[in-house]
Protein backbone atom coordinates (compact mmCIF):
# COMPACT_ATOMS: atom_id res chain seq x y z
CA UNK A 1 -23.77 6.72 16.57
CA UNK A 2 -21.28 4.28 15.16
CA UNK A 3 -20.23 0.88 16.37
CA UNK A 4 -16.52 1.71 16.27
CA UNK A 5 -16.46 5.16 17.89
CA UNK A 6 -13.06 6.17 19.19
CA UNK A 7 -14.39 7.38 22.53
CA UNK A 8 -15.46 5.42 25.59
CA UNK A 9 -16.13 1.66 25.46
CA UNK A 10 -19.35 0.96 23.61
CA UNK A 11 -19.82 -2.67 24.58
CA UNK A 12 -20.27 -2.06 28.31
CA UNK A 13 -17.05 -3.84 29.25
CA UNK A 14 -13.51 -2.97 30.34
CA UNK A 15 -11.27 -1.03 27.97
CA UNK A 16 -9.03 -3.97 27.13
CA UNK A 17 -12.00 -6.28 26.42
CA UNK A 18 -13.57 -3.54 24.30
CA UNK A 19 -10.33 -3.22 22.32
CA UNK A 20 -10.17 -6.99 21.73
CA UNK A 21 -13.78 -7.03 20.45
CA UNK A 22 -13.01 -4.21 18.03
CA UNK A 23 -9.85 -5.93 16.79
CA UNK A 24 -11.75 -9.18 16.19
CA UNK A 25 -14.35 -7.27 14.16
CA UNK A 26 -11.59 -5.63 12.11
CA UNK A 27 -9.98 -9.03 11.44
CA UNK A 28 -13.31 -10.51 10.30
CA UNK A 29 -14.05 -7.55 8.03
CA UNK A 30 -10.48 -7.64 6.70
CA UNK A 31 -10.75 -11.35 5.88
CA UNK A 32 -14.00 -10.81 3.97
CA UNK A 33 -12.53 -7.81 2.14
CA UNK A 34 -9.43 -9.80 1.14
CA UNK A 35 -11.53 -12.70 -0.17
CA UNK A 36 -13.45 -10.41 -2.49
CA UNK A 37 -10.39 -8.38 -3.43
CA UNK A 38 -8.89 -11.56 -4.90
CA UNK A 39 -12.15 -12.23 -6.75
CA UNK A 40 -12.38 -8.63 -7.92
CA UNK A 41 -8.81 -8.57 -9.18
CA UNK A 42 -9.30 -11.79 -11.14
CA UNK A 43 -12.43 -10.38 -12.76
CA UNK A 44 -10.88 -6.98 -13.49
CA UNK A 45 -7.67 -8.40 -14.95
CA UNK A 46 -9.77 -10.79 -17.04
CA UNK A 47 -11.65 -7.80 -18.47
CA UNK A 48 -8.37 -6.13 -19.36
CA UNK A 49 -7.16 -9.31 -21.06
CA UNK A 50 -10.50 -10.07 -22.75
CA UNK A 51 -11.23 -13.13 -20.62
CA UNK A 52 -14.12 -14.06 -18.32
CA UNK A 53 -12.42 -14.76 -15.00
CA UNK A 54 -14.17 -16.86 -12.32
CA UNK A 55 -17.64 -17.90 -13.49
CA UNK A 56 -18.36 -21.43 -12.24
CA UNK A 57 -18.53 -21.31 -8.44
CA UNK A 58 -21.73 -19.54 -7.43
CA UNK A 59 -23.57 -16.89 -9.46
CA UNK A 60 -21.00 -15.02 -11.59
CA UNK A 61 -18.28 -16.86 -9.65
CA UNK A 62 -19.02 -14.97 -6.41
CA UNK A 63 -18.31 -18.02 -4.25
CA UNK A 64 -14.90 -18.70 -5.81
CA UNK A 65 -13.10 -16.95 -2.94
CA UNK A 66 -14.84 -19.19 -0.37
CA UNK A 67 -13.95 -22.28 -2.42
CA UNK A 68 -10.30 -21.20 -2.54
CA UNK A 69 -10.32 -20.65 1.23
CA UNK A 70 -11.67 -24.14 1.88
CA UNK A 71 -9.11 -25.61 -0.50
CA UNK A 72 -6.21 -23.86 1.24
CA UNK A 73 -7.49 -24.91 4.67
CA UNK A 74 -7.63 -28.55 3.53
CA UNK A 75 -4.18 -28.62 1.91
CA UNK A 76 -1.30 -30.31 3.67
CA UNK A 77 1.07 -27.99 5.51
CA UNK A 78 4.58 -29.02 4.48
CA UNK A 79 7.81 -27.83 6.10
CA UNK A 80 11.11 -28.53 4.26
CA UNK A 81 13.52 -30.85 6.03
CA UNK A 82 16.37 -28.35 6.09
CA UNK A 83 14.21 -25.39 7.16
CA UNK A 84 14.70 -23.65 10.50
CA UNK A 85 11.52 -24.76 12.25
CA UNK A 86 10.71 -21.79 14.46
CA UNK A 87 11.86 -19.12 12.03
CA UNK A 88 9.91 -20.81 9.24
CA UNK A 89 6.69 -21.13 11.25
CA UNK A 90 6.67 -17.65 12.83
CA UNK A 91 7.49 -15.72 9.64
CA UNK A 92 3.88 -15.57 8.30
CA UNK A 93 2.65 -14.09 11.58
CA UNK A 94 5.33 -11.39 11.59
CA UNK A 95 4.27 -10.30 8.09
CA UNK A 96 0.56 -10.26 8.95
CA UNK A 97 0.56 -8.58 12.39
CA UNK A 98 1.99 -5.21 11.20
CA UNK A 99 -0.80 -4.89 8.63
CA UNK A 100 -3.39 -5.50 11.35
CA UNK A 101 -1.67 -2.89 13.54
CA UNK A 102 -1.97 -0.32 10.74
CA UNK A 103 -5.68 -1.06 10.25
CA UNK A 104 -6.28 -0.44 13.96
CA UNK A 105 -5.19 3.20 13.58
CA UNK A 106 -7.21 4.07 10.44
CA UNK A 107 -10.42 6.13 10.71
CA UNK A 108 -12.96 4.72 8.24
CA UNK A 109 -15.31 7.64 8.95
CA UNK A 110 -15.26 10.68 11.20
CA UNK A 111 -14.29 9.41 14.68
CA UNK A 112 -14.91 5.87 13.48
CA UNK A 113 -12.20 3.26 14.05
CA UNK A 114 -10.56 1.10 16.68
CA UNK A 115 -8.34 3.77 18.25
CA UNK A 116 -7.74 7.45 17.50
CA UNK A 117 -4.02 8.19 17.82
CA UNK A 118 -2.77 11.76 18.12
CA UNK A 119 0.39 10.66 16.29
CA UNK A 120 -1.41 8.36 13.86
CA UNK A 121 0.73 9.27 10.84
CA UNK A 122 3.92 8.70 12.83
CA UNK A 123 2.52 5.40 14.07
CA UNK A 124 1.91 4.24 10.49
CA UNK A 125 5.50 5.26 9.61
CA UNK A 126 6.82 3.10 12.43
CA UNK A 127 4.67 0.06 11.67
CA UNK A 128 5.20 -0.02 7.90
CA UNK A 129 8.75 -1.31 8.16
CA UNK A 130 8.08 -4.16 10.57
CA UNK A 131 6.93 -6.76 8.04
CA UNK A 132 10.41 -6.65 6.48
CA UNK A 133 11.44 -8.83 9.43
CA UNK A 134 8.85 -11.48 8.55
CA UNK A 135 9.90 -11.54 4.89
CA UNK A 136 13.55 -11.97 5.80
CA UNK A 137 12.64 -14.71 8.27
CA UNK A 138 10.64 -16.52 5.57
CA UNK A 139 13.56 -16.33 3.13
CA UNK A 140 16.23 -17.32 5.64
CA UNK A 141 14.20 -19.98 7.44
CA UNK A 142 13.10 -21.85 4.31
CA UNK A 143 16.55 -23.27 3.54
CA UNK A 144 16.02 -22.48 -0.14
CA UNK A 145 18.24 -20.23 -2.24
CA UNK A 146 15.32 -18.86 -4.25
CA UNK A 147 13.44 -18.00 -1.06
CA UNK A 148 16.58 -16.37 0.34
CA UNK A 149 17.01 -14.33 -2.83
CA UNK A 150 13.38 -13.22 -2.64
CA UNK A 151 13.75 -12.22 1.02
CA UNK A 152 16.90 -10.20 0.39
CA UNK A 153 15.33 -8.48 -2.63
CA UNK A 154 12.21 -7.68 -0.62
CA UNK A 155 14.24 -6.15 2.22
CA UNK A 156 16.42 -4.06 -0.10
CA UNK A 157 13.43 -2.86 -2.10
CA UNK A 158 11.24 -1.98 0.89
CA UNK A 159 13.98 -0.17 2.78
CA UNK A 160 14.84 1.87 -0.31
CA UNK A 161 11.33 2.90 -1.28
CA UNK A 162 10.22 3.53 2.29
CA UNK A 163 12.43 6.64 2.41
CA UNK A 164 10.69 8.60 -0.40
CA UNK A 165 7.32 7.28 0.81
CA UNK A 166 7.87 8.74 4.28
CA UNK A 167 9.22 12.01 2.87
CA UNK A 168 6.15 12.42 0.67
CA UNK A 169 3.88 11.96 3.69
CA UNK A 170 5.96 14.43 5.70
CA UNK A 171 5.30 17.00 2.98
CA UNK A 172 1.58 16.56 3.62
CA UNK A 173 2.01 16.66 7.40
CA UNK A 174 3.86 19.99 7.12
CA UNK A 175 0.83 21.56 5.42
CA UNK A 176 -1.77 19.90 7.66
CA UNK A 177 0.07 20.87 10.84
CA UNK A 178 -0.96 17.66 12.57
CA UNK A 179 -0.08 13.96 12.61
CA UNK A 180 -3.60 12.88 13.58
CA UNK A 181 -5.31 11.10 10.67
CA UNK A 182 -8.73 12.43 11.67
CA UNK A 183 -7.29 15.94 11.67
CA UNK A 184 -5.60 15.47 8.29
CA UNK A 185 -8.88 14.33 6.75
CA UNK A 186 -10.95 17.08 8.40
CA UNK A 187 -8.69 19.93 7.27
CA UNK A 188 -9.24 19.19 3.57
CA UNK A 189 -12.06 21.23 2.05
CA UNK A 190 -12.94 23.45 -0.92
CA UNK A 191 -13.18 26.68 1.10
CA UNK A 192 -9.69 28.27 1.07
CA UNK A 193 -11.18 31.68 1.87
CA UNK A 194 -11.97 30.34 5.35
CA UNK A 195 -8.39 29.23 5.89
CA UNK A 196 -9.03 25.61 4.97
CA UNK A 197 -7.42 23.58 2.23
CA UNK A 198 -8.44 21.70 -0.84
CA UNK A 199 -7.70 17.95 -0.97
CA UNK A 200 -3.97 17.45 -0.70
CA UNK A 201 -3.76 15.77 -4.10
CA UNK A 202 -4.31 19.25 -5.55
CA UNK A 203 -1.80 20.92 -3.24
CA UNK A 204 0.80 18.15 -3.45
CA UNK A 205 0.51 16.24 -6.75
CA UNK A 206 4.22 15.35 -6.70
CA UNK A 207 3.95 13.93 -3.19
CA UNK A 208 0.93 11.91 -4.36
CA UNK A 209 2.82 10.43 -7.33
CA UNK A 210 5.82 9.58 -5.14
CA UNK A 211 3.58 8.01 -2.51
CA UNK A 212 1.63 5.97 -5.06
CA UNK A 213 4.82 4.71 -6.74
CA UNK A 214 6.53 3.85 -3.46
CA UNK A 215 3.32 2.18 -2.26
CA UNK A 216 3.37 -0.18 -5.27
CA UNK A 217 6.92 -1.14 -4.32
CA UNK A 218 5.97 -1.68 -0.67
CA UNK A 219 3.11 -3.93 -1.77
CA UNK A 220 5.33 -5.83 -4.27
CA UNK A 221 2.84 -5.06 -7.01
CA UNK A 222 3.80 -4.81 -10.66
CA UNK A 223 5.97 -3.25 -11.97
CA UNK A 224 7.79 -3.63 -8.62
CA UNK A 225 7.04 -7.33 -8.02
CA UNK A 226 10.64 -8.50 -8.30
CA UNK A 227 10.75 -10.14 -4.80
CA UNK A 228 7.94 -12.55 -5.83
CA UNK A 229 8.60 -12.76 -9.57
CA UNK A 230 7.68 -16.28 -10.69
CA UNK A 231 9.70 -16.00 -13.89
CA UNK A 232 12.87 -15.17 -11.94
CA UNK A 233 12.71 -16.67 -8.45
CA UNK A 234 9.69 -19.04 -8.68
CA UNK A 235 7.57 -17.21 -6.09
CA UNK A 236 10.02 -15.40 -3.83
CA UNK A 237 10.44 -15.64 -0.06
CA UNK A 238 7.30 -17.79 0.50
CA UNK A 239 8.01 -20.34 -2.25
CA UNK A 240 8.37 -23.18 0.31
CA UNK A 241 5.08 -22.43 2.09
CA UNK A 242 1.82 -24.26 1.48
CA UNK A 243 -1.70 -24.48 2.83
CA UNK A 244 -2.76 -22.01 5.49
CA UNK A 245 0.71 -20.56 5.98
CA UNK A 246 0.87 -19.66 2.29
CA UNK A 247 -2.62 -18.16 2.58
CA UNK A 248 -1.36 -15.86 5.37
CA UNK A 249 1.10 -14.30 2.92
CA UNK A 250 -1.73 -13.91 0.43
CA UNK A 251 -3.90 -12.39 3.15
CA UNK A 252 -1.10 -9.98 4.05
CA UNK A 253 -0.69 -8.81 0.44
CA UNK A 254 -4.34 -7.96 -0.12
CA UNK A 255 -4.92 -6.64 3.39
CA UNK A 256 -1.94 -4.33 2.85
CA UNK A 257 -3.49 -3.16 -0.41
CA UNK A 258 -6.73 -2.36 1.39
CA UNK A 259 -4.92 -0.61 4.26
CA UNK A 260 -2.83 1.51 1.87
CA UNK A 261 -5.94 2.39 -0.13
CA UNK A 262 -7.84 3.64 2.92
CA UNK A 263 -4.73 5.40 4.23
CA UNK A 264 -4.00 7.05 0.88
CA UNK A 265 -7.60 8.18 0.47
CA UNK A 266 -7.47 9.79 3.93
CA UNK A 267 -4.17 11.60 3.35
CA UNK A 268 -4.68 12.79 -0.25
CA UNK A 269 -8.46 12.70 -0.87
CA UNK A 270 -9.91 13.71 2.48
CA UNK A 271 -11.16 10.26 3.47
CA UNK A 272 -14.90 10.51 4.06
CA UNK A 273 -15.03 14.15 2.90
CA UNK A 274 -17.12 15.18 -0.13
CA UNK A 275 -17.73 18.58 -1.79
CA UNK A 276 -21.13 19.42 -0.27
CA UNK A 277 -22.13 23.10 0.17
CA UNK A 278 -18.58 24.06 1.03
CA UNK A 279 -18.26 21.34 3.65
CA UNK A 280 -16.28 18.14 3.39
CA UNK A 281 -18.12 16.14 6.05
CA UNK A 282 -21.02 13.84 5.18
CA UNK A 283 -24.30 13.91 7.15
CA UNK A 284 -23.84 10.70 9.12
CA UNK A 285 -21.46 7.81 9.70
CA UNK A 286 -23.11 5.49 7.12
CA UNK A 287 -22.73 8.12 4.40
CA UNK A 288 -19.12 8.71 5.41
CA UNK A 289 -18.34 4.99 5.34
CA UNK A 290 -19.78 4.79 1.83
CA UNK A 291 -17.59 7.68 0.66
CA UNK A 292 -14.46 6.07 2.13
CA UNK A 293 -15.44 2.80 0.45
CA UNK A 294 -15.82 4.44 -2.97
CA UNK A 295 -12.49 6.26 -2.71
CA UNK A 296 -10.60 3.20 -1.52
CA UNK A 297 -12.13 1.05 -4.28
CA UNK A 298 -11.04 3.62 -6.88
CA UNK A 299 -7.53 3.49 -5.39
CA UNK A 300 -7.49 -0.32 -5.55
CA UNK A 301 -8.68 -0.31 -9.18
CA UNK A 302 -5.79 2.03 -10.02
CA UNK A 303 -3.33 -0.40 -8.40
CA UNK A 304 -4.74 -3.32 -10.41
CA UNK A 305 -4.80 -1.24 -13.58
CA UNK A 306 -1.07 -0.50 -13.25
CA UNK A 307 -0.40 -4.21 -12.74
CA UNK A 308 -2.00 -5.12 -16.07
CA UNK A 309 -0.40 -2.35 -18.15
CA UNK A 310 3.17 -1.75 -16.93
CA UNK A 311 5.89 -4.39 -17.45
CA UNK A 312 8.15 -5.50 -14.62
CA UNK A 313 11.35 -3.53 -14.00
CA UNK A 314 14.78 -5.08 -13.71
CA UNK A 315 16.37 -4.94 -10.26
CA UNK A 316 18.93 -2.33 -11.40
CA UNK A 317 16.17 -0.17 -12.91
CA UNK A 318 14.09 -0.46 -9.75
CA UNK A 319 16.88 0.63 -7.39
CA UNK A 320 18.11 3.35 -9.73
CA UNK A 321 14.61 4.81 -10.03
CA UNK A 322 14.33 5.05 -6.26
CA UNK A 323 17.72 6.50 -5.35
CA UNK A 324 18.30 8.70 -8.40
CA UNK A 325 14.80 10.03 -9.09
CA UNK A 326 12.22 9.54 -6.32
CA UNK A 327 14.48 10.31 -3.37
CA UNK A 328 15.94 13.63 -4.74
CA UNK A 329 12.49 14.78 -5.88
CA UNK A 330 10.92 13.99 -2.51
CA UNK A 331 13.67 15.97 -0.75
CA UNK A 332 13.15 18.93 -3.09
CA UNK A 333 9.40 18.75 -2.43
CA UNK A 334 10.03 18.84 1.32
CA UNK A 335 12.39 21.82 1.05
CA UNK A 336 10.01 23.82 -1.16
CA UNK A 337 7.16 23.25 1.28
CA UNK A 338 9.40 24.44 4.10
CA UNK A 339 10.29 27.70 2.31
CA UNK A 340 6.67 28.44 1.36
CA UNK A 341 5.30 27.74 4.83
CA UNK A 342 8.02 29.43 6.89
CA UNK A 343 7.76 32.66 4.89
CA UNK A 344 3.94 32.43 4.77
CA UNK A 345 3.80 32.67 1.00
CA UNK A 346 0.45 32.07 -0.79
CA UNK A 347 -0.63 28.42 -0.77
CA UNK A 348 -1.09 28.53 -4.52
CA UNK A 349 2.70 28.21 -4.69
CA UNK A 350 2.38 24.77 -3.10
CA UNK A 351 0.28 23.66 -6.04
CA UNK A 352 2.49 25.35 -8.64
CA UNK A 353 5.81 24.01 -7.35
CA UNK A 354 4.50 20.51 -6.66
CA UNK A 355 2.64 20.45 -9.99
CA UNK A 356 5.85 21.38 -11.83
CA UNK A 357 7.64 18.59 -9.99
CA UNK A 358 4.88 16.11 -10.86
CA UNK A 359 5.09 17.08 -14.53
CA UNK A 360 8.88 16.66 -14.42
CA UNK A 361 8.52 13.21 -12.82
CA UNK A 362 6.04 12.06 -15.47
CA UNK A 363 8.33 13.41 -18.21
CA UNK A 364 11.31 11.54 -16.75
CA UNK A 365 9.34 8.28 -16.57
CA UNK A 366 8.11 8.61 -20.17
CA UNK A 367 11.58 9.53 -21.43
CA UNK A 368 13.21 6.58 -19.69
CA UNK A 369 10.46 4.26 -20.95
CA UNK A 370 10.83 5.16 -24.64
CA UNK A 371 14.58 5.70 -24.68
CA UNK A 372 16.45 3.06 -26.64
CA UNK A 373 19.41 1.63 -24.70
CA UNK A 374 22.87 1.96 -26.20
CA UNK A 375 23.39 -1.76 -25.75
CA UNK A 376 20.49 -4.13 -26.21
CA UNK A 377 21.97 -6.53 -23.67
CA UNK A 378 23.26 -5.51 -20.25
CA UNK A 379 25.50 -6.97 -17.56
CA UNK A 380 25.84 -10.75 -17.55
CA UNK A 381 23.88 -11.17 -20.78
CA UNK A 382 26.26 -8.89 -22.69
CA UNK A 383 29.26 -10.77 -21.29
CA UNK A 384 27.71 -14.11 -22.26
CA UNK A 385 27.17 -12.93 -25.83
CA UNK A 386 30.76 -11.70 -26.06
CA UNK A 387 32.05 -15.04 -24.75
CA UNK A 388 29.91 -16.94 -27.26
CA UNK A 389 31.27 -14.89 -30.14
């Protein structure tokens, strides 16, 4: 039996006390995970760039995350004179709380989590957009034009990319026939002759690519890190924050990465499921937790790998890619799934149509990446050159 079972209270107390205990445990685990995600990213990026990364604090630099935490806790918390006090101070909490609310609904193993929601996928849809409010509050309340620019960019980017992200997940929900995350994970198996499905990444590769791309934008990870681009807006919407309040934004970023990784592994890779004698369920909860851990770590490594290899997009490229490419392709994916399912056509058509769409998306990205622009300079830069001449 697991410590986090979804069923009756396990701590011998009232339901609401039991829920609080579980939430506290999730927060503690999340904090530890975030600390070592920062360490892991620094080491992984260093390997990509032929550097060493953290090596001094503790064996192999393993205590560097704890040293950084102590440093941030000891730093002075400064609030700009012209900042809106309450908006400025509450903004970090309104970016962090939605991430915690998403983690509460995620099953880390079969029937293992804080709460099992029958509409878990819908719940995640609803919660994902809430941290936009905190980012806008941070930008507006700081009294700084660079912070304001970062907040507005973050809101525009997240609202835009949230539409194809939700549509890609709806494509999966149509096939699964349920919005329960436990149910979505359990239905994925390698035994189609028994009426079950393979992992949804094989049935919906286009939806997976759209989800992964939109997820990078939601997380403000490269190449979609325009809202926090240091070379353009010196840090984005939290540029005026310091000390523990700044660390809350950092905590939110890496906790969101972890939450998206677990969520993505559940939806597209079956969560704790493994190919074992035709069954996708491990023998016990410890085994299932290990499988979820491996899949989520692989997902996180992919996110960090993209950061080190793909250059940042311009704001016009970013918005154009969403509205002109991802959104139409996600709508087409949704419509094709509807036709195949309503007419009860063979499920192999789901793989064929989505695979063709995925190949088309990759071809479009490669073509746009290698295409030489007609004018080397665009917009304001072209006008400045013409004025100088």
